[in-house]
Every structure is written in C-alpha cells, then in structure tokens.
Amino acid sequence: MLVNLEQYQHDDADDAVRSGGDVDPDRDADDYFGTDDLDAEEWERVTEDGETLLRRSMTLEEVTAVSVPREQTHEDLPGVTVQIRKGGEEEYVDNARIVEVQDPDP
C-alpha cells in the first residue's frame, strides 16, 4: 500500500526566524528535529487554532498495514499516533493525520 500522512511538530524556532521567514541556517536537522535523516526544508509553517506549527507530508511505500493504537501521546498537537507495518517491522509516526491510503492490488 501507499500511505500519505501529514506530521506535526511544535515550531520552536521563533527566535531564529529572519524577516523573510527563513529558519536560521546554522541549525542542522539533527539539532532541530532530533534526527539527522530529515531535510529541514521538508517542514512548512502552518497556523492551526491560532498556533504556529511545523507540518510535513510523508509518503510511505510498501506498507502492509496501518492502524491507530488506542494509547495515544498526550501532546497538544493535531493528529494521532499512527502505526505503520512494513516488511514485518513496526514504525510509529506521532502527531500524524492520515491523508490517503491506496492499495494498487486489493
């Protein structure tokens, strides 16, 4: 299956924003997002309920199952924890909204 998600994070870079809206370039993805395999340009600023958040679109391929566990994180962000199974392994995406799930071979 092909799964499209939107994931949300808090925007804690307010102090590093220049007048053009760019994030200060001396912050690397590992320091900012807690992982080094993300490109900071993947995230965009959005406003929801009067709060500025970061949102990115994710497309996951070869997914075998999608579920939403009963136990959720209690963060004040949009979305829920989504469990993705691929190749016998489980992955959790916190603060995500499911946009679309496609099965090309139902």
C-alpha atoms as a PDB file:
ATOM      1  CA  MET A   1       0.000   0.000   0.000  1.00  0.00           C
ATOM      2  CA  LEU A   2       0.922   3.612  -0.454  1.00  0.00           C
ATOM      3  CA  VAL A   3       0.239   5.802   2.609  1.00  0.00           C
ATOM      4  CA  ASN A   4       0.205   9.604   2.671  1.00  0.00           C
ATOM      5  CA  LEU A   5       0.435  11.311   6.081  1.00  0.00           C
ATOM      6  CA  GLU A   6       0.862  14.815   7.455  1.00  0.00           C
ATOM      7  CA  GLN A   7       3.005  15.028  10.601  1.00  0.00           C
ATOM      8  CA  TYR A   8       3.090  17.974  13.019  1.00  0.00           C
ATOM      9  CA  GLN A   9       5.770  19.371  15.346  1.00  0.00           C
ATOM     10  CA  HIS A  10       5.966  22.429  17.564  1.00  0.00           C
ATOM     11  CA  ASP A  11       7.608  25.454  15.957  1.00  0.00           C
ATOM     12  CA  ASP A  12      10.320  26.310  18.471  1.00  0.00           C
ATOM     13  CA  ALA A  13      12.438  28.340  16.053  1.00  0.00           C
ATOM     14  CA  ASP A  14      10.652  31.674  16.566  1.00  0.00           C
ATOM     15  CA  ASP A  15      13.847  33.226  17.905  1.00  0.00           C
ATOM     16  CA  ALA A  16      15.788  32.110  14.804  1.00  0.00           C
ATOM     17  CA  VAL A  17      13.417  33.424  12.148  1.00  0.00           C
ATOM     18  CA  ARG A  18      14.596  36.240   9.930  1.00  0.00           C
ATOM     19  CA  SER A  19      12.278  38.760   8.290  1.00  0.00           C
ATOM     20  CA  GLY A  20      11.898  36.590   5.192  1.00  0.00           C
ATOM     21  CA  GLY A  21      10.597  33.672   7.255  1.00  0.00           C
ATOM     22  CA  ASP A  22      13.710  31.538   6.769  1.00  0.00           C
ATOM     23  CA  VAL A  23      14.998  29.403   9.612  1.00  0.00           C
ATOM     24  CA  ASP A  24      18.475  30.337  10.768  1.00  0.00           C
ATOM     25  CA  PRO A  25      20.840  28.192   8.635  1.00  0.00           C
ATOM     26  CA  ASP A  26      23.284  27.423  11.454  1.00  0.00           C
ATOM     27  CA  ARG A  27      20.823  24.899  12.906  1.00  0.00           C
ATOM     28  CA  ASP A  28      21.210  21.448  11.453  1.00  0.00           C
ATOM     29  CA  ALA A  29      18.374  18.912  11.154  1.00  0.00           C
ATOM     30  CA  ASP A  30      19.751  16.730  13.954  1.00  0.00           C
ATOM     31  CA  ASP A  31      19.716  19.570  16.492  1.00  0.00           C
ATOM     32  CA  TYR A  32      16.389  20.953  15.361  1.00  0.00           C
ATOM     33  CA  PHE A  33      14.301  17.810  14.777  1.00  0.00           C
ATOM     34  CA  GLY A  34      16.153  15.257  16.901  1.00  0.00           C
ATOM     35  CA  THR A  35      17.198  13.142  13.923  1.00  0.00           C
ATOM     36  CA  ASP A  36      19.764  13.577  11.188  1.00  0.00           C
ATOM     37  CA  ASP A  37      17.860  11.929   8.332  1.00  0.00           C
ATOM     38  CA  LEU A  38      15.451  14.816   7.785  1.00  0.00           C
ATOM     39  CA  ASP A  39      15.848  17.757   5.493  1.00  0.00           C
ATOM     40  CA  ALA A  40      14.715  20.910   7.320  1.00  0.00           C
ATOM     41  CA  GLU A  41      13.132  22.191   4.092  1.00  0.00           C
ATOM     42  CA  GLU A  42      10.595  19.333   4.251  1.00  0.00           C
ATOM     43  CA  TRP A  43       8.762  21.160   7.047  1.00  0.00           C
ATOM     44  CA  GLU A  44       6.498  24.135   6.422  1.00  0.00           C
ATOM     45  CA  ARG A  45       4.974  26.560   8.879  1.00  0.00           C
ATOM     46  CA  VAL A  46       1.197  26.411   9.265  1.00  0.00           C
ATOM     47  CA  THR A  47      -1.240  28.026  11.680  1.00  0.00           C
ATOM     48  CA  GLU A  48      -3.852  25.876  13.397  1.00  0.00           C
ATOM     49  CA  ASP A  49      -6.121  27.180  16.151  1.00  0.00           C
ATOM     50  CA  GLY A  50      -4.004  30.337  16.391  1.00  0.00           C
ATOM     51  CA  GLU A  51      -0.750  28.427  16.983  1.00  0.00           C
ATOM     52  CA  THR A  52       2.146  28.258  14.536  1.00  0.00           C
ATOM     53  CA  LEU A  53       3.208  24.656  13.926  1.00  0.00           C
ATOM     54  CA  LEU A  54       5.522  22.797  11.582  1.00  0.00           C
ATOM     55  CA  ARG A  55       3.952  20.303   9.182  1.00  0.00           C
ATOM     56  CA  ARG A  56       5.440  17.916   6.653  1.00  0.00           C
ATOM     57  CA  SER A  57       3.927  15.497   4.170  1.00  0.00           C
ATOM     58  CA  MET A  58       5.126  11.910   4.254  1.00  0.00           C
ATOM     59  CA  THR A  59       4.633   9.223   1.629  1.00  0.00           C
ATOM     60  CA  LEU A  60       5.381   5.652   2.704  1.00  0.00           C
ATOM     61  CA  GLU A  61       5.552   2.816   0.174  1.00  0.00           C
ATOM     62  CA  GLU A  62       5.189  -0.955   0.534  1.00  0.00           C
ATOM     63  CA  VAL A  63       3.107  -0.641   3.707  1.00  0.00           C
ATOM     64  CA  THR A  64       1.331  -3.857   4.721  1.00  0.00           C
ATOM     65  CA  ALA A  65      -0.914  -2.418   7.474  1.00  0.00           C
ATOM     66  CA  VAL A  66      -1.969   0.907   9.003  1.00  0.00           C
ATOM     67  CA  SER A  67      -3.554   1.231  12.434  1.00  0.00           C
ATOM     68  CA  VAL A  68      -4.210   3.780  15.151  1.00  0.00           C
ATOM     69  CA  PRO A  69      -3.328   2.365  18.590  1.00  0.00           C
ATOM     70  CA  ARG A  70      -5.703   3.085  21.481  1.00  0.00           C
ATOM     71  CA  GLU A  71      -2.925   4.555  23.597  1.00  0.00           C
ATOM     72  CA  GLN A  72      -2.031   7.978  22.258  1.00  0.00           C
ATOM     73  CA  THR A  73       0.551  10.618  23.054  1.00  0.00           C
ATOM     74  CA  HIS A  74      -0.877  13.492  25.034  1.00  0.00           C
ATOM     75  CA  GLU A  75       0.780  16.300  23.151  1.00  0.00           C
ATOM     76  CA  ASP A  76      -1.265  19.333  22.233  1.00  0.00           C
ATOM     77  CA  LEU A  77      -0.632  18.862  18.508  1.00  0.00           C
ATOM     78  CA  PRO A  78      -3.034  17.866  15.737  1.00  0.00           C
ATOM     79  CA  GLY A  79      -3.175  14.241  14.712  1.00  0.00           C
ATOM     80  CA  VAL A  80      -2.697  10.916  16.452  1.00  0.00           C
ATOM     81  CA  THR A  81      -0.058   8.221  16.664  1.00  0.00           C
ATOM     82  CA  VAL A  82      -0.225   6.071  13.517  1.00  0.00           C
ATOM     83  CA  GLN A  83       1.297   2.582  13.450  1.00  0.00           C
ATOM     84  CA  ILE A  84       2.786   1.520  10.111  1.00  0.00           C
ATOM     85  CA  ARG A  85       3.855  -2.058   9.328  1.00  0.00           C
ATOM     86  CA  LYS A  86       6.358  -2.672   6.541  1.00  0.00           C
ATOM     87  CA  GLY A  87       8.227  -5.892   5.874  1.00  0.00           C
ATOM     88  CA  GLY A  88       7.457  -7.365   9.279  1.00  0.00           C
ATOM     89  CA  GLU A  89       8.635  -4.267  11.170  1.00  0.00           C
ATOM     90  CA  GLU A  90       6.530  -1.694  13.010  1.00  0.00           C
ATOM     91  CA  GLU A  91       7.050   2.045  12.881  1.00  0.00           C
ATOM     92  CA  TYR A  92       5.139   4.729  14.793  1.00  0.00           C
ATOM     93  CA  VAL A  93       4.516   8.238  13.483  1.00  0.00           C
ATOM     94  CA  ASP A  94       3.408  10.606  16.250  1.00  0.00           C
ATOM     95  CA  ASN A  95       1.114  13.588  15.725  1.00  0.00           C
ATOM     96  CA  ALA A  96       0.073  12.481  12.243  1.00  0.00           C
ATOM     97  CA  ARG A  97      -3.075  12.731  10.168  1.00  0.00           C
ATOM     98  CA  ILE A  98      -3.826  10.101   7.540  1.00  0.00           C
ATOM     99  CA  VAL A  99      -4.416  11.847   4.225  1.00  0.00           C
ATOM    100  CA  GLU A 100      -4.814   8.829   1.949  1.00  0.00           C
ATOM    101  CA  VAL A 101      -4.167   5.094   1.818  1.00  0.00           C
ATOM    102  CA  GLN A 102      -4.034   3.364  -1.580  1.00  0.00           C
ATOM    103  CA  ASP A 103      -3.818  -0.326  -2.331  1.00  0.00           C
ATOM    104  CA  PRO A 104      -2.971  -0.770  -6.022  1.00  0.00           C
ATOM    105  CA  ASP A 105      -3.542  -4.526  -5.781  1.00  0.00           C
ATOM    106  CA  PRO A 106      -6.593  -5.040  -3.493  1.00  0.00           C
END
